[in-house]
Amino acid sequence: NMELSLAALRARYRDQPADVVEVFDWILARMDSDRTQAVWIHRADRATIRAMLESLLARQASGESLPLFGLPFACKDNI
């Protein structure tokens, strides 16, 4: 099981920013493993998520401040 607390993720990314891809692969695999929980109206596919992550990694590497970098979240459909 992976530790997904804010403190654990920030420490992990501070040491290895590219781990964001591993974290999101793990989260998506966990979501895929139990399709009985239909909690998502829409979820981006893996290729879209991977492209977003690669873009964020490049922005971070260029020195851009990304305070929510690598933190998984969901938006409620009424927002």
C-alpha atoms as a PDB file:
ATOM      1  CA  ASN A   1       0.000   0.000   0.000  1.00  0.00           C
ATOM      2  CA  MET A   2       1.268   3.460  -0.876  1.00  0.00           C
ATOM      3  CA  GLU A   3       1.250   6.367   1.584  1.00  0.00           C
ATOM      4  CA  LEU A   4      -0.806   9.153  -0.005  1.00  0.00           C
ATOM      5  CA  SER A   5      -0.736  11.776   2.731  1.00  0.00           C
ATOM      6  CA  LEU A   6       0.291  15.279   1.744  1.00  0.00           C
ATOM      7  CA  ALA A   7       3.499  15.059   3.793  1.00  0.00           C
ATOM      8  CA  ALA A   8       4.469  11.660   2.345  1.00  0.00           C
ATOM      9  CA  LEU A   9       3.858  12.718  -1.255  1.00  0.00           C
ATOM     10  CA  ARG A  10       5.730  16.010  -0.895  1.00  0.00           C
ATOM     11  CA  ALA A  11       8.724  14.214   0.642  1.00  0.00           C
ATOM     12  CA  ARG A  12       8.652  11.602  -2.122  1.00  0.00           C
ATOM     13  CA  TYR A  13       8.523  14.205  -4.901  1.00  0.00           C
ATOM     14  CA  ARG A  14      11.206  16.353  -3.283  1.00  0.00           C
ATOM     15  CA  ASP A  15      13.575  13.397  -3.542  1.00  0.00           C
ATOM     16  CA  GLN A  16      12.384  12.145  -6.930  1.00  0.00           C
ATOM     17  CA  PRO A  17       9.959  14.379  -8.920  1.00  0.00           C
ATOM     18  CA  ALA A  18       9.422  11.724 -11.612  1.00  0.00           C
ATOM     19  CA  ASP A  19       7.823   9.463  -8.980  1.00  0.00           C
ATOM     20  CA  VAL A  20       4.593  11.349  -9.730  1.00  0.00           C
ATOM     21  CA  VAL A  21       4.141   8.987 -12.704  1.00  0.00           C
ATOM     22  CA  GLU A  22       4.541   5.923 -10.459  1.00  0.00           C
ATOM     23  CA  VAL A  23       2.089   7.329  -7.905  1.00  0.00           C
ATOM     24  CA  PHE A  24      -0.583   8.043 -10.510  1.00  0.00           C
ATOM     25  CA  ASP A  25      -0.055   4.655 -12.204  1.00  0.00           C
ATOM     26  CA  TRP A  26      -0.633   3.022  -8.804  1.00  0.00           C
ATOM     27  CA  ILE A  27      -3.774   5.097  -8.155  1.00  0.00           C
ATOM     28  CA  LEU A  28      -5.217   4.301 -11.607  1.00  0.00           C
ATOM     29  CA  ALA A  29      -4.464   0.588 -11.196  1.00  0.00           C
ATOM     30  CA  ARG A  30      -6.221   0.620  -7.833  1.00  0.00           C
ATOM     31  CA  MET A  31      -9.242   2.359  -9.369  1.00  0.00           C
ATOM     32  CA  ASP A  32      -9.305  -0.137 -12.252  1.00  0.00           C
ATOM     33  CA  SER A  33      -9.132  -3.103  -9.891  1.00  0.00           C
ATOM     34  CA  ASP A  34     -12.593  -2.406  -8.460  1.00  0.00           C
ATOM     35  CA  ARG A  35     -15.040  -1.274 -11.113  1.00  0.00           C
ATOM     36  CA  THR A  36     -17.991  -1.971  -8.794  1.00  0.00           C
ATOM     37  CA  GLN A  37     -17.563   1.458  -7.240  1.00  0.00           C
ATOM     38  CA  ALA A  38     -19.051   3.692  -9.916  1.00  0.00           C
ATOM     39  CA  VAL A  39     -18.008   6.954  -8.314  1.00  0.00           C
ATOM     40  CA  TRP A  40     -16.718   8.705 -11.433  1.00  0.00           C
ATOM     41  CA  ILE A  41     -18.866  10.474 -13.990  1.00  0.00           C
ATOM     42  CA  HIS A  42     -15.780  10.998 -16.130  1.00  0.00           C
ATOM     43  CA  ARG A  43     -12.165  10.040 -15.683  1.00  0.00           C
ATOM     44  CA  ALA A  44      -9.409  10.966 -18.121  1.00  0.00           C
ATOM     45  CA  ASP A  45      -7.796   7.986 -19.810  1.00  0.00           C
ATOM     46  CA  ARG A  46      -4.244   6.889 -18.991  1.00  0.00           C
ATOM     47  CA  ALA A  47      -2.718   8.481 -22.102  1.00  0.00           C
ATOM     48  CA  THR A  48      -4.252  11.874 -21.286  1.00  0.00           C
ATOM     49  CA  ILE A  49      -3.154  11.665 -17.666  1.00  0.00           C
ATOM     50  CA  ARG A  50       0.371  10.621 -18.705  1.00  0.00           C
ATOM     51  CA  ALA A  51       0.611  13.583 -21.124  1.00  0.00           C
ATOM     52  CA  MET A  52      -0.514  15.957 -18.364  1.00  0.00           C
ATOM     53  CA  LEU A  53       2.055  14.511 -15.975  1.00  0.00           C
ATOM     54  CA  GLU A  54       4.864  14.863 -18.531  1.00  0.00           C
ATOM     55  CA  SER A  55       3.873  18.499 -19.108  1.00  0.00           C
ATOM     56  CA  LEU A  56       3.871  19.181 -15.369  1.00  0.00           C
ATOM     57  CA  LEU A  57       7.260  17.498 -14.930  1.00  0.00           C
ATOM     58  CA  ALA A  58       8.711  19.743 -17.658  1.00  0.00           C
ATOM     59  CA  ARG A  59       7.212  22.846 -16.059  1.00  0.00           C
ATOM     60  CA  GLN A  60       8.577  21.877 -12.656  1.00  0.00           C
ATOM     61  CA  ALA A  61      12.024  21.137 -14.124  1.00  0.00           C
ATOM     62  CA  SER A  62      12.067  24.636 -15.652  1.00  0.00           C
ATOM     63  CA  GLY A  63      11.652  26.094 -12.163  1.00  0.00           C
ATOM     64  CA  GLU A  64       7.956  26.920 -12.236  1.00  0.00           C
ATOM     65  CA  SER A  65       6.275  26.857  -8.822  1.00  0.00           C
ATOM     66  CA  LEU A  66       3.559  24.180  -8.796  1.00  0.00           C
ATOM     67  CA  PRO A  67       2.209  23.984  -5.227  1.00  0.00           C
ATOM     68  CA  LEU A  68      -0.251  21.170  -6.005  1.00  0.00           C
ATOM     69  CA  PHE A  69       2.213  19.149  -8.083  1.00  0.00           C
ATOM     70  CA  GLY A  70       1.451  15.428  -7.911  1.00  0.00           C
ATOM     71  CA  LEU A  71      -1.368  15.666  -5.389  1.00  0.00           C
ATOM     72  CA  PRO A  72      -4.288  13.488  -6.483  1.00  0.00           C
ATOM     73  CA  PHE A  73      -7.724  15.053  -6.201  1.00  0.00           C
ATOM     74  CA  ALA A  74     -11.200  14.843  -7.675  1.00  0.00           C
ATOM     75  CA  CYS A  75     -13.701  17.556  -8.533  1.00  0.00           C
ATOM     76  CA  LYS A  76     -17.332  17.091  -7.681  1.00  0.00           C
ATOM     77  CA  ASP A  77     -19.597  17.284 -10.723  1.00  0.00           C
ATOM     78  CA  ASN A  78     -21.550  20.277  -9.421  1.00  0.00           C
ATOM     79  CA  ILE A  79     -18.511  22.553  -9.229  1.00  0.00           C
END
